[in-house]
Amino acid sequence: MFGIVNKIIAVISKAASNVADYAGGLTSKPGLPTVEIEERIQTLYSRGIADKNRLPNSALEIVVHGTGGGDGTIKQFVDWQLNGELADNWNKGIGLVHFVVGRDGQIVQTIDPHRFWTWHSTSYMHDQFTVGIELCNPSFSNSTPYTNEQYAALAGLCDKIMRENPKCKQIQSHNWTGLTYSGLGKQCPGIVFDWQRLINELEARKIKATRIQTEVLSIA
């Protein structure tokens, strides 16, 4: 008799587990991504951001960039900035971004977005309200398609940034931001960037994104 009871319990438990798995598949969403911290760039060019302290809750927009060259690795991007090729600009806080996303989906923070803003989207003082994300692209014109891993990582990073900054409700290109605030556009992140793909990745995270301009997403 005990054997029969145990079998019945096992069947019921299995059924309950299947129901839970099904429900989880309907409601679960990807977790937040791992973000590695690279402190050397911020330390090296600290004088360029010393007067660019981020005010609390002032991050309102995320600006997406393409690196426009290199081998597609974060290591090369970091080494390039540490090498100081454009040190005159970086020492003024020009051209520094907060995050870089590799072709493999790796994410590295180079400037603390909670502490500092930087000049990164040719939008002048408007950049004090933005967070900059570079996507590694080996083409000088940002014409190499971005990878599946980059779209997934970018969506996860945007999710993280928006959770930490509740007023941040917009994702846009460097090109649109520059044209809007200074009249200076740039193929960045480039015409190959798939905004619908980013929308799909955000929706997989239960984030409602609406395309309000060609290169601008509004987050509900």
N, C-alpha and C. Protein backbone atom coordinates (compact mmCIF):
# COMPACT_ATOMS: atom_id res chain seq x y z
N MET A 1 0.82 -1.21 0.00
CA MET A 1 0.00 0.00 0.00
C MET A 1 0.86 1.26 0.00
N PHE A 2 1.90 1.24 0.83
CA PHE A 2 2.77 2.41 0.88
C PHE A 2 3.43 2.67 -0.46
N GLY A 3 3.72 1.58 -1.18
CA GLY A 3 4.33 1.73 -2.50
C GLY A 3 3.40 2.45 -3.46
N ILE A 4 2.12 2.12 -3.41
CA ILE A 4 1.14 2.77 -4.28
C ILE A 4 1.01 4.25 -3.94
N VAL A 5 0.95 4.54 -2.63
CA VAL A 5 0.85 5.93 -2.17
C VAL A 5 2.05 6.74 -2.65
N ASN A 6 3.23 6.14 -2.52
CA ASN A 6 4.44 6.84 -2.95
C ASN A 6 4.43 7.12 -4.45
N LYS A 7 3.90 6.17 -5.23
CA LYS A 7 3.81 6.38 -6.67
C LYS A 7 2.85 7.51 -7.01
N ILE A 8 1.73 7.55 -6.28
CA ILE A 8 0.74 8.62 -6.50
C ILE A 8 1.35 9.98 -6.18
N ILE A 9 2.07 10.03 -5.05
CA ILE A 9 2.72 11.29 -4.65
C ILE A 9 3.73 11.73 -5.70
N ALA A 10 4.48 10.75 -6.23
CA ALA A 10 5.50 11.06 -7.24
C ALA A 10 4.86 11.63 -8.50
N VAL A 11 3.72 11.03 -8.92
CA VAL A 11 3.02 11.50 -10.11
C VAL A 11 2.51 12.92 -9.91
N ILE A 12 1.92 13.16 -8.73
CA ILE A 12 1.39 14.51 -8.43
C ILE A 12 2.51 15.53 -8.41
N SER A 13 3.64 15.16 -7.79
CA SER A 13 4.78 16.08 -7.71
C SER A 13 5.32 16.41 -9.09
N LYS A 14 5.39 15.38 -9.97
CA LYS A 14 5.88 15.60 -11.32
C LYS A 14 4.95 16.53 -12.08
N ALA A 15 3.64 16.35 -11.93
CA ALA A 15 2.67 17.20 -12.61
C ALA A 15 2.79 18.64 -12.13
N ALA A 16 2.95 18.81 -10.81
CA ALA A 16 3.08 20.16 -10.26
C ALA A 16 4.35 20.82 -10.78
N SER A 17 5.43 20.01 -10.90
CA SER A 17 6.68 20.55 -11.41
C SER A 17 6.53 21.00 -12.85
N ASN A 18 5.81 20.21 -13.66
CA ASN A 18 5.61 20.56 -15.06
C ASN A 18 4.82 21.86 -15.19
N VAL A 19 3.80 22.01 -14.34
CA VAL A 19 2.99 23.23 -14.35
C VAL A 19 3.85 24.44 -13.98
N ALA A 20 4.69 24.27 -12.96
CA ALA A 20 5.56 25.36 -12.52
C ALA A 20 6.55 25.73 -13.62
N ASP A 21 7.10 24.70 -14.30
CA ASP A 21 8.05 24.98 -15.39
C ASP A 21 7.37 25.73 -16.51
N TYR A 22 6.12 25.34 -16.82
CA TYR A 22 5.39 26.01 -17.90
C TYR A 22 5.10 27.46 -17.52
N ALA A 23 4.65 27.66 -16.28
CA ALA A 23 4.36 29.02 -15.83
C ALA A 23 5.61 29.87 -15.82
N GLY A 24 6.73 29.26 -15.40
CA GLY A 24 7.98 29.99 -15.38
C GLY A 24 8.40 30.42 -16.77
N GLY A 25 8.15 29.54 -17.76
CA GLY A 25 8.49 29.88 -19.13
C GLY A 25 7.69 31.05 -19.65
N LEU A 26 6.49 31.23 -19.11
CA LEU A 26 5.64 32.34 -19.54
C LEU A 26 6.02 33.65 -18.87
N THR A 27 6.55 33.58 -17.66
CA THR A 27 6.73 34.80 -16.89
C THR A 27 8.19 35.17 -16.65
N SER A 28 9.11 34.21 -16.81
CA SER A 28 10.50 34.50 -16.49
C SER A 28 11.13 35.40 -17.54
N LYS A 29 12.19 36.08 -17.16
CA LYS A 29 12.93 36.93 -18.08
C LYS A 29 14.41 36.81 -17.76
N PRO A 30 15.26 37.14 -18.70
CA PRO A 30 16.70 37.02 -18.44
C PRO A 30 17.13 37.85 -17.25
N GLY A 31 18.13 37.38 -16.54
CA GLY A 31 18.66 38.13 -15.42
C GLY A 31 19.53 39.28 -15.89
N LEU A 32 19.98 40.09 -14.95
CA LEU A 32 20.85 41.21 -15.30
C LEU A 32 22.24 40.69 -15.63
N PRO A 33 22.92 41.33 -16.58
CA PRO A 33 24.23 40.83 -17.02
C PRO A 33 25.33 41.14 -16.02
N THR A 34 26.43 40.42 -16.17
CA THR A 34 27.63 40.69 -15.38
C THR A 34 28.38 41.85 -16.02
N VAL A 35 28.74 42.83 -15.22
CA VAL A 35 29.49 43.99 -15.70
C VAL A 35 30.84 44.04 -14.98
N GLU A 36 31.91 43.93 -15.75
CA GLU A 36 33.25 44.01 -15.19
C GLU A 36 33.66 45.48 -15.05
N ILE A 37 34.45 45.77 -14.06
CA ILE A 37 34.88 47.14 -13.80
C ILE A 37 36.34 47.32 -14.22
N GLU A 38 36.58 48.29 -15.10
CA GLU A 38 37.93 48.67 -15.51
C GLU A 38 38.19 50.06 -14.95
N GLU A 39 39.01 50.14 -13.90
CA GLU A 39 39.21 51.41 -13.18
C GLU A 39 40.32 52.27 -13.77
N ARG A 40 41.20 51.70 -14.58
CA ARG A 40 42.40 52.42 -15.00
C ARG A 40 42.10 53.62 -15.88
N ILE A 41 41.10 53.51 -16.77
CA ILE A 41 40.78 54.63 -17.66
C ILE A 41 40.25 55.81 -16.85
N GLN A 42 39.34 55.53 -15.93
CA GLN A 42 38.79 56.59 -15.08
C GLN A 42 39.89 57.24 -14.25
N THR A 43 40.80 56.44 -13.72
CA THR A 43 41.90 56.97 -12.91
C THR A 43 42.85 57.81 -13.75
N LEU A 44 43.18 57.32 -14.95
CA LEU A 44 44.14 58.01 -15.80
C LEU A 44 43.64 59.37 -16.26
N TYR A 45 42.35 59.44 -16.56
CA TYR A 45 41.81 60.70 -17.08
C TYR A 45 40.88 61.39 -16.08
N SER A 46 41.18 61.19 -14.81
CA SER A 46 40.31 61.72 -13.76
C SER A 46 40.17 63.24 -13.82
N ARG A 47 41.22 63.93 -14.25
CA ARG A 47 41.11 65.39 -14.28
C ARG A 47 40.11 65.85 -15.34
N GLY A 48 39.86 65.00 -16.34
CA GLY A 48 38.90 65.36 -17.38
C GLY A 48 37.46 65.23 -16.94
N ILE A 49 37.25 64.47 -15.88
CA ILE A 49 35.88 64.30 -15.39
C ILE A 49 35.70 64.85 -13.98
N ALA A 50 36.74 65.48 -13.46
CA ALA A 50 36.70 65.98 -12.09
C ALA A 50 35.59 67.00 -11.89
N ASP A 51 35.26 67.75 -12.94
CA ASP A 51 34.22 68.77 -12.82
C ASP A 51 32.90 68.31 -13.44
N LYS A 52 32.79 67.01 -13.67
CA LYS A 52 31.59 66.47 -14.32
C LYS A 52 30.88 65.48 -13.40
N ASN A 53 30.63 65.90 -12.20
CA ASN A 53 29.95 65.04 -11.25
C ASN A 53 28.49 64.86 -11.64
N ARG A 54 28.04 63.62 -11.59
CA ARG A 54 26.65 63.30 -11.93
C ARG A 54 25.73 63.66 -10.77
N LEU A 55 24.71 64.45 -11.05
CA LEU A 55 23.72 64.75 -10.03
C LEU A 55 22.81 63.53 -9.83
N PRO A 56 22.31 63.30 -8.66
CA PRO A 56 21.42 62.16 -8.41
C PRO A 56 20.22 62.16 -9.36
N ASN A 57 19.92 60.99 -9.90
CA ASN A 57 18.75 60.80 -10.77
C ASN A 57 18.77 61.69 -12.02
N SER A 58 19.96 62.06 -12.49
CA SER A 58 20.05 62.95 -13.64
C SER A 58 20.23 62.21 -14.97
N ALA A 59 20.46 60.89 -14.90
CA ALA A 59 20.61 60.11 -16.12
C ALA A 59 19.23 59.83 -16.72
N LEU A 60 18.95 60.45 -17.86
CA LEU A 60 17.63 60.36 -18.48
C LEU A 60 17.62 59.55 -19.79
N GLU A 61 18.80 59.43 -20.41
CA GLU A 61 18.87 58.79 -21.72
C GLU A 61 20.11 57.91 -21.83
N ILE A 62 20.00 56.86 -22.63
CA ILE A 62 21.12 55.99 -22.95
C ILE A 62 21.50 56.23 -24.40
N VAL A 63 22.77 56.49 -24.66
CA VAL A 63 23.24 56.75 -26.01
C VAL A 63 24.11 55.57 -26.47
N VAL A 64 23.74 55.00 -27.62
CA VAL A 64 24.45 53.84 -28.17
C VAL A 64 25.46 54.30 -29.22
N HIS A 65 26.69 53.81 -29.10
CA HIS A 65 27.78 54.13 -30.02
C HIS A 65 28.32 52.86 -30.67
N GLY A 66 29.07 53.03 -31.76
CA GLY A 66 29.90 51.98 -32.34
C GLY A 66 31.33 52.47 -32.32
N THR A 67 32.28 51.59 -32.02
CA THR A 67 33.67 52.03 -31.86
C THR A 67 34.29 52.50 -33.18
N GLY A 68 33.80 52.00 -34.31
CA GLY A 68 34.33 52.44 -35.59
C GLY A 68 35.78 52.04 -35.81
N GLY A 69 36.09 50.75 -35.61
CA GLY A 69 37.43 50.26 -35.86
C GLY A 69 37.96 49.40 -34.73
N GLY A 70 39.09 48.78 -35.00
CA GLY A 70 39.70 47.90 -34.02
C GLY A 70 39.44 46.44 -34.37
N ASP A 71 39.86 45.56 -33.51
CA ASP A 71 39.68 44.13 -33.78
C ASP A 71 38.41 43.57 -33.16
N GLY A 72 37.59 44.44 -32.58
CA GLY A 72 36.32 43.99 -32.02
C GLY A 72 36.40 43.53 -30.59
N THR A 73 37.58 43.62 -29.98
CA THR A 73 37.72 43.17 -28.60
C THR A 73 37.74 44.35 -27.64
N ILE A 74 37.25 44.11 -26.44
CA ILE A 74 37.29 45.14 -25.41
C ILE A 74 38.74 45.42 -25.01
N LYS A 75 39.55 44.38 -24.98
CA LYS A 75 40.96 44.56 -24.60
C LYS A 75 41.63 45.61 -25.47
N GLN A 76 41.42 45.53 -26.78
CA GLN A 76 42.05 46.51 -27.65
C GLN A 76 41.51 47.92 -27.42
N PHE A 77 40.19 48.01 -27.18
CA PHE A 77 39.58 49.31 -26.91
C PHE A 77 40.18 49.92 -25.65
N VAL A 78 40.29 49.12 -24.60
CA VAL A 78 40.85 49.60 -23.34
C VAL A 78 42.32 49.97 -23.52
N ASP A 79 43.08 49.10 -24.19
CA ASP A 79 44.50 49.38 -24.41
C ASP A 79 44.67 50.67 -25.21
N TRP A 80 43.79 50.91 -26.19
CA TRP A 80 43.86 52.11 -27.02
C TRP A 80 43.67 53.37 -26.16
N GLN A 81 42.70 53.33 -25.26
CA GLN A 81 42.49 54.49 -24.41
C GLN A 81 43.61 54.65 -23.39
N LEU A 82 44.13 53.56 -22.88
CA LEU A 82 45.23 53.64 -21.92
C LEU A 82 46.52 54.10 -22.60
N ASN A 83 46.63 53.81 -23.90
CA ASN A 83 47.82 54.23 -24.64
C ASN A 83 47.86 55.73 -24.84
N GLY A 84 46.69 56.36 -24.73
CA GLY A 84 46.65 57.81 -24.74
C GLY A 84 46.74 58.45 -26.11
N GLU A 85 46.31 57.74 -27.16
CA GLU A 85 46.40 58.31 -28.51
C GLU A 85 45.64 59.63 -28.63
N LEU A 86 44.51 59.74 -27.94
CA LEU A 86 43.72 60.97 -27.94
C LEU A 86 43.67 61.57 -26.54
N ALA A 87 44.78 61.48 -25.85
CA ALA A 87 44.83 61.92 -24.45
C ALA A 87 44.42 63.37 -24.27
N ASP A 88 44.73 64.23 -25.24
CA ASP A 88 44.35 65.64 -25.12
C ASP A 88 42.85 65.79 -24.96
N ASN A 89 42.10 64.96 -25.69
CA ASN A 89 40.64 64.99 -25.55
C ASN A 89 40.20 64.32 -24.26
N TRP A 90 40.74 63.14 -24.00
CA TRP A 90 40.30 62.39 -22.83
C TRP A 90 40.61 63.13 -21.53
N ASN A 91 41.68 63.89 -21.53
CA ASN A 91 42.01 64.68 -20.34
C ASN A 91 41.06 65.86 -20.14
N LYS A 92 40.19 66.07 -21.11
CA LYS A 92 39.13 67.08 -20.98
C LYS A 92 37.76 66.41 -20.81
N GLY A 93 37.79 65.09 -20.71
CA GLY A 93 36.53 64.36 -20.58
C GLY A 93 35.80 64.19 -21.90
N ILE A 94 36.49 64.37 -23.02
CA ILE A 94 35.89 64.26 -24.34
C ILE A 94 36.16 62.87 -24.92
N GLY A 95 35.11 62.18 -25.36
CA GLY A 95 35.28 60.88 -25.99
C GLY A 95 35.33 59.71 -25.04
N LEU A 96 35.16 59.95 -23.76
CA LEU A 96 35.09 58.86 -22.79
C LEU A 96 33.65 58.37 -22.67
N VAL A 97 33.47 57.06 -22.58
CA VAL A 97 32.13 56.50 -22.41
C VAL A 97 32.08 55.71 -21.10
N HIS A 98 30.88 55.35 -20.73
CA HIS A 98 30.72 54.64 -19.45
C HIS A 98 30.89 53.12 -19.58
N PHE A 99 30.45 52.57 -20.72
CA PHE A 99 30.52 51.12 -20.90
C PHE A 99 30.98 50.78 -22.32
N VAL A 100 31.57 49.60 -22.45
CA VAL A 100 31.90 49.06 -23.77
C VAL A 100 31.46 47.60 -23.81
N VAL A 101 30.86 47.21 -24.95
CA VAL A 101 30.33 45.85 -25.12
C VAL A 101 31.09 45.17 -26.25
N GLY A 102 31.74 44.05 -25.95
CA GLY A 102 32.52 43.32 -26.94
C GLY A 102 31.66 42.50 -27.89
N ARG A 103 32.28 42.00 -28.94
CA ARG A 103 31.57 41.20 -29.93
C ARG A 103 31.04 39.91 -29.33
N ASP A 104 31.65 39.46 -28.24
CA ASP A 104 31.23 38.24 -27.57
C ASP A 104 30.21 38.49 -26.46
N GLY A 105 29.80 39.75 -26.30
CA GLY A 105 28.80 40.08 -25.28
C GLY A 105 29.38 40.49 -23.94
N GLN A 106 30.71 40.50 -23.82
CA GLN A 106 31.33 40.95 -22.58
C GLN A 106 31.02 42.43 -22.38
N ILE A 107 30.78 42.81 -21.12
CA ILE A 107 30.49 44.20 -20.78
C ILE A 107 31.51 44.69 -19.76
N VAL A 108 32.10 45.85 -20.05
CA VAL A 108 33.06 46.45 -19.13
C VAL A 108 32.67 47.90 -18.88
N GLN A 109 32.69 48.29 -17.62
CA GLN A 109 32.46 49.68 -17.23
C GLN A 109 33.80 50.39 -17.15
N THR A 110 33.95 51.50 -17.89
CA THR A 110 35.20 52.24 -17.87
C THR A 110 35.10 53.56 -17.11
N ILE A 111 33.90 54.14 -17.06
CA ILE A 111 33.64 55.34 -16.26
C ILE A 111 32.40 55.07 -15.42
N ASP A 112 32.44 55.39 -14.15
CA ASP A 112 31.31 55.14 -13.25
C ASP A 112 30.15 56.07 -13.61
N PRO A 113 29.04 55.53 -14.14
CA PRO A 113 27.92 56.38 -14.56
C PRO A 113 27.17 57.02 -13.41
N HIS A 114 27.36 56.50 -12.21
CA HIS A 114 26.69 57.07 -11.05
C HIS A 114 27.43 58.30 -10.52
N ARG A 115 28.71 58.39 -10.86
CA ARG A 115 29.54 59.49 -10.34
C ARG A 115 29.81 60.58 -11.37
N PHE A 116 29.99 60.16 -12.64
CA PHE A 116 30.45 61.13 -13.64
C PHE A 116 29.64 61.07 -14.94
N TRP A 117 29.58 62.21 -15.61
CA TRP A 117 29.12 62.25 -16.99
C TRP A 117 30.32 62.67 -17.84
N THR A 118 30.27 62.43 -19.14
CA THR A 118 31.38 62.78 -20.02
C THR A 118 30.84 63.35 -21.33
N TRP A 119 31.72 64.02 -22.08
CA TRP A 119 31.36 64.47 -23.42
C TRP A 119 31.52 63.27 -24.36
N HIS A 120 30.44 62.69 -24.84
CA HIS A 120 30.61 61.50 -25.69
C HIS A 120 29.69 61.47 -26.91
N SER A 121 28.72 62.39 -27.01
CA SER A 121 27.79 62.29 -28.13
C SER A 121 27.62 63.60 -28.90
N THR A 122 28.65 64.45 -28.86
CA THR A 122 28.61 65.76 -29.52
C THR A 122 27.31 66.51 -29.25
N SER A 123 26.84 66.39 -28.03
CA SER A 123 25.62 67.10 -27.64
C SER A 123 25.89 68.14 -26.56
N TYR A 124 27.19 68.39 -26.33
CA TYR A 124 27.62 69.40 -25.37
C TYR A 124 27.02 69.15 -23.99
N MET A 125 26.47 70.17 -23.36
CA MET A 125 26.03 70.03 -21.97
C MET A 125 24.90 69.03 -21.80
N HIS A 126 24.24 68.68 -22.88
CA HIS A 126 23.16 67.69 -22.76
C HIS A 126 23.70 66.34 -22.28
N ASP A 127 24.99 66.07 -22.52
CA ASP A 127 25.55 64.79 -22.12
C ASP A 127 25.53 64.57 -20.61
N GLN A 128 25.30 65.62 -19.84
CA GLN A 128 25.20 65.41 -18.40
C GLN A 128 23.95 64.62 -18.03
N PHE A 129 23.05 64.44 -19.01
CA PHE A 129 21.84 63.66 -18.77
C PHE A 129 21.88 62.29 -19.45
N THR A 130 23.04 61.92 -20.01
CA THR A 130 23.12 60.68 -20.78
C THR A 130 24.14 59.70 -20.19
N VAL A 131 23.97 58.43 -20.58
CA VAL A 131 24.93 57.37 -20.27
C VAL A 131 25.38 56.80 -21.62
N GLY A 132 26.69 56.72 -21.84
CA GLY A 132 27.21 56.28 -23.13
C GLY A 132 27.66 54.83 -23.12
N ILE A 133 27.23 54.08 -24.16
CA ILE A 133 27.61 52.67 -24.33
C ILE A 133 28.26 52.49 -25.70
N GLU A 134 29.48 52.00 -25.73
CA GLU A 134 30.16 51.66 -26.98
C GLU A 134 29.96 50.18 -27.32
N LEU A 135 29.62 49.91 -28.57
CA LEU A 135 29.58 48.54 -29.07
C LEU A 135 30.78 48.35 -29.99
N CYS A 136 31.60 47.35 -29.71
CA CYS A 136 32.77 47.12 -30.54
C CYS A 136 32.36 46.79 -31.97
N ASN A 137 32.91 47.53 -32.92
CA ASN A 137 32.66 47.29 -34.34
C ASN A 137 33.98 47.44 -35.08
N PRO A 138 34.46 46.39 -35.75
CA PRO A 138 35.77 46.43 -36.39
C PRO A 138 35.84 47.30 -37.65
N SER A 139 34.69 47.74 -38.14
CA SER A 139 34.68 48.57 -39.34
C SER A 139 34.80 50.05 -38.99
N PHE A 140 35.65 50.77 -39.74
CA PHE A 140 35.84 52.19 -39.49
C PHE A 140 34.52 52.96 -39.63
N SER A 141 33.65 52.50 -40.53
CA SER A 141 32.36 53.15 -40.77
C SER A 141 31.22 52.51 -39.99
N ASN A 142 31.56 51.65 -39.03
CA ASN A 142 30.54 50.92 -38.25
C ASN A 142 29.59 50.14 -39.17
N SER A 143 30.14 49.56 -40.24
CA SER A 143 29.31 48.86 -41.22
C SER A 143 29.27 47.35 -41.03
N THR A 144 30.04 46.83 -40.07
CA THR A 144 29.99 45.41 -39.77
C THR A 144 28.79 45.12 -38.87
N PRO A 145 27.92 44.17 -39.27
CA PRO A 145 26.74 43.89 -38.42
C PRO A 145 27.13 43.52 -37.00
N TYR A 146 26.34 43.99 -36.07
CA TYR A 146 26.57 43.65 -34.67
C TYR A 146 26.13 42.21 -34.40
N THR A 147 26.69 41.61 -33.38
CA THR A 147 26.45 40.19 -33.12
C THR A 147 25.22 39.97 -32.24
N ASN A 148 24.73 38.73 -32.28
CA ASN A 148 23.60 38.37 -31.40
C ASN A 148 23.95 38.63 -29.95
N GLU A 149 25.19 38.30 -29.60
CA GLU A 149 25.64 38.49 -28.21
C GLU A 149 25.63 39.96 -27.82
N GLN A 150 25.96 40.83 -28.75
CA GLN A 150 25.97 42.26 -28.43
C GLN A 150 24.56 42.80 -28.21
N TYR A 151 23.60 42.38 -29.04
CA TYR A 151 22.23 42.85 -28.84
C TYR A 151 21.68 42.38 -27.49
N ALA A 152 21.95 41.12 -27.15
CA ALA A 152 21.47 40.58 -25.87
C ALA A 152 22.13 41.30 -24.70
N ALA A 153 23.45 41.53 -24.81
CA ALA A 153 24.17 42.21 -23.74
C ALA A 153 23.72 43.66 -23.62
N LEU A 154 23.51 44.33 -24.75
CA LEU A 154 23.07 45.73 -24.72
C LEU A 154 21.71 45.85 -24.05
N ALA A 155 20.79 44.96 -24.38
CA ALA A 155 19.47 45.00 -23.75
C ALA A 155 19.58 44.78 -22.25
N GLY A 156 20.41 43.83 -21.86
CA GLY A 156 20.60 43.57 -20.43
C GLY A 156 21.22 44.75 -19.72
N LEU A 157 22.18 45.40 -20.37
CA LEU A 157 22.83 46.56 -19.76
C LEU A 157 21.85 47.72 -19.66
N CYS A 158 21.05 47.94 -20.70
CA CYS A 158 20.03 48.99 -20.64
C CYS A 158 19.04 48.71 -19.51
N ASP A 159 18.67 47.46 -19.36
CA ASP A 159 17.77 47.05 -18.28
C ASP A 159 18.39 47.44 -16.93
N LYS A 160 19.65 47.12 -16.75
CA LYS A 160 20.35 47.42 -15.50
C LYS A 160 20.42 48.93 -15.25
N ILE A 161 20.80 49.68 -16.29
CA ILE A 161 20.92 51.14 -16.14
C ILE A 161 19.58 51.76 -15.78
N MET A 162 18.51 51.31 -16.44
CA MET A 162 17.19 51.89 -16.20
C MET A 162 16.65 51.52 -14.82
N ARG A 163 16.98 50.35 -14.34
CA ARG A 163 16.58 49.99 -12.97
C ARG A 163 17.27 50.87 -11.95
N GLU A 164 18.55 51.17 -12.22
CA GLU A 164 19.31 51.99 -11.28
C GLU A 164 19.01 53.48 -11.43
N ASN A 165 18.42 53.85 -12.56
CA ASN A 165 18.07 55.25 -12.83
C ASN A 165 16.62 55.30 -13.30
N PRO A 166 15.67 55.34 -12.38
CA PRO A 166 14.24 55.23 -12.71
C PRO A 166 13.74 56.28 -13.70
N LYS A 167 14.42 57.41 -13.81
CA LYS A 167 13.98 58.45 -14.74
C LYS A 167 14.53 58.24 -16.16
N CYS A 168 15.40 57.28 -16.32
CA CYS A 168 15.99 57.00 -17.64
C CYS A 168 14.99 56.22 -18.48
N LYS A 169 14.41 56.87 -19.49
CA LYS A 169 13.32 56.28 -20.25
C LYS A 169 13.52 56.39 -21.76
N GLN A 170 14.76 56.56 -22.20
CA GLN A 170 14.98 56.72 -23.63
C GLN A 170 16.33 56.12 -24.02
N ILE A 171 16.35 55.45 -25.18
CA ILE A 171 17.56 54.88 -25.74
C ILE A 171 17.70 55.43 -27.15
N GLN A 172 18.88 55.95 -27.49
CA GLN A 172 19.03 56.62 -28.78
C GLN A 172 20.44 56.47 -29.31
N SER A 173 20.63 56.84 -30.57
CA SER A 173 21.94 56.74 -31.19
C SER A 173 22.77 58.00 -30.93
N HIS A 174 24.09 57.85 -31.06
CA HIS A 174 24.99 59.00 -31.05
C HIS A 174 24.61 59.94 -32.18
N ASN A 175 24.31 59.37 -33.34
CA ASN A 175 23.97 60.19 -34.51
C ASN A 175 22.78 61.11 -34.22
N TRP A 176 21.69 60.55 -33.70
CA TRP A 176 20.49 61.34 -33.43
C TRP A 176 20.76 62.38 -32.35
N THR A 177 21.49 61.99 -31.31
CA THR A 177 21.75 62.91 -30.21
C THR A 177 22.57 64.10 -30.68
N GLY A 178 23.62 63.81 -31.47
CA GLY A 178 24.44 64.90 -31.98
C GLY A 178 23.67 65.83 -32.89
N LEU A 179 22.90 65.27 -33.81
CA LEU A 179 22.11 66.10 -34.73
C LEU A 179 21.11 66.97 -33.98
N THR A 180 20.52 66.40 -32.93
CA THR A 180 19.47 67.10 -32.19
C THR A 180 20.02 68.26 -31.37
N TYR A 181 21.17 68.08 -30.75
CA TYR A 181 21.66 69.08 -29.80
C TYR A 181 22.82 69.94 -30.31
N SER A 182 23.47 69.54 -31.40
CA SER A 182 24.56 70.37 -31.92
C SER A 182 24.57 70.46 -33.44
N GLY A 183 23.71 69.66 -34.09
CA GLY A 183 23.70 69.63 -35.55
C GLY A 183 24.82 68.82 -36.15
N LEU A 184 25.57 68.09 -35.31
CA LEU A 184 26.71 67.29 -35.77
C LEU A 184 26.38 65.80 -35.65
N GLY A 185 26.04 65.18 -36.77
CA GLY A 185 25.72 63.77 -36.77
C GLY A 185 26.93 62.91 -37.08
N LYS A 186 26.76 61.60 -36.95
CA LYS A 186 27.86 60.67 -37.18
C LYS A 186 27.27 59.28 -37.38
N GLN A 187 27.88 58.47 -38.25
CA GLN A 187 27.41 57.09 -38.46
C GLN A 187 27.76 56.25 -37.23
N CYS A 188 26.98 56.42 -36.20
CA CYS A 188 27.29 55.82 -34.90
C CYS A 188 26.00 55.59 -34.13
N PRO A 189 25.60 54.37 -33.89
CA PRO A 189 26.31 53.11 -34.13
C PRO A 189 26.27 52.61 -35.57
N GLY A 190 25.72 53.38 -36.51
CA GLY A 190 25.77 53.01 -37.92
C GLY A 190 24.45 52.50 -38.45
N ILE A 191 24.35 52.48 -39.78
CA ILE A 191 23.09 52.10 -40.42
C ILE A 191 22.79 50.61 -40.28
N VAL A 192 23.79 49.80 -39.93
CA VAL A 192 23.54 48.36 -39.77
C VAL A 192 22.96 48.03 -38.41
N PHE A 193 22.94 49.00 -37.49
CA PHE A 193 22.37 48.71 -36.17
C PHE A 193 20.88 48.46 -36.32
N ASP A 194 20.43 47.33 -35.78
CA ASP A 194 19.04 46.88 -35.93
C ASP A 194 18.24 47.28 -34.69
N TRP A 195 17.51 48.38 -34.81
CA TRP A 195 16.72 48.87 -33.67
C TRP A 195 15.58 47.92 -33.32
N GLN A 196 15.00 47.26 -34.33
CA GLN A 196 13.93 46.31 -34.03
C GLN A 196 14.47 45.12 -33.24
N ARG A 197 15.70 44.73 -33.54
CA ARG A 197 16.31 43.64 -32.79
C ARG A 197 16.48 44.03 -31.32
N LEU A 198 16.88 45.27 -31.07
CA LEU A 198 17.00 45.73 -29.68
C LEU A 198 15.63 45.75 -29.01
N ILE A 199 14.61 46.19 -29.73
CA ILE A 199 13.24 46.18 -29.18
C ILE A 199 12.86 44.77 -28.77
N ASN A 200 13.15 43.80 -29.63
CA ASN A 200 12.80 42.40 -29.34
C ASN A 200 13.53 41.91 -28.09
N GLU A 201 14.80 42.27 -27.98
CA GLU A 201 15.58 41.84 -26.81
C GLU A 201 15.04 42.49 -25.53
N LEU A 202 14.62 43.73 -25.62
CA LEU A 202 14.05 44.41 -24.45
C LEU A 202 12.71 43.79 -24.08
N GLU A 203 11.91 43.46 -25.08
CA GLU A 203 10.60 42.86 -24.80
C GLU A 203 10.76 41.48 -24.15
N ALA A 204 11.84 40.77 -24.48
CA ALA A 204 12.11 39.49 -23.82
C ALA A 204 12.37 39.70 -22.33
N ARG A 205 12.73 40.92 -21.97
CA ARG A 205 12.95 41.29 -20.58
C ARG A 205 11.73 41.98 -19.97
N LYS A 206 10.60 41.88 -20.67
CA LYS A 206 9.34 42.49 -20.21
C LYS A 206 9.44 44.01 -20.16
N ILE A 207 10.26 44.58 -21.04
CA ILE A 207 10.41 46.03 -21.13
C ILE A 207 9.72 46.50 -22.40
N LYS A 208 8.75 47.38 -22.28
CA LYS A 208 8.01 47.90 -23.43
C LYS A 208 8.78 49.05 -24.05
N ALA A 209 9.22 48.86 -25.30
CA ALA A 209 9.97 49.89 -26.01
C ALA A 209 9.22 50.27 -27.28
N THR A 210 9.07 51.58 -27.51
CA THR A 210 8.38 52.09 -28.69
C THR A 210 9.34 52.94 -29.50
N ARG A 211 9.39 52.72 -30.78
CA ARG A 211 10.27 53.49 -31.66
C ARG A 211 9.60 54.80 -32.02
N ILE A 212 10.09 55.91 -31.47
CA ILE A 212 9.44 57.21 -31.69
C ILE A 212 10.17 58.04 -32.74
N GLN A 213 11.40 57.66 -33.05
CA GLN A 213 12.17 58.23 -34.15
C GLN A 213 12.96 57.08 -34.77
N THR A 214 13.56 57.30 -35.91
CA THR A 214 14.31 56.23 -36.57
C THR A 214 15.35 55.63 -35.65
N GLU A 215 16.00 56.44 -34.84
CA GLU A 215 17.06 55.98 -33.97
C GLU A 215 16.81 56.32 -32.51
N VAL A 216 15.53 56.28 -32.12
CA VAL A 216 15.18 56.60 -30.73
C VAL A 216 14.09 55.66 -30.25
N LEU A 217 14.31 55.08 -29.08
CA LEU A 217 13.31 54.23 -28.43
C LEU A 217 12.84 54.91 -27.15
N SER A 218 11.54 54.90 -26.94
CA SER A 218 10.95 55.39 -25.70
C SER A 218 10.55 54.17 -24.87
N ILE A 219 10.87 54.21 -23.60
CA ILE A 219 10.59 53.09 -22.69
C ILE A 219 9.39 53.43 -21.82
N ALA A 220 8.42 52.54 -21.83
CA ALA A 220 7.20 52.78 -21.03
C ALA A 220 7.50 52.67 -19.54
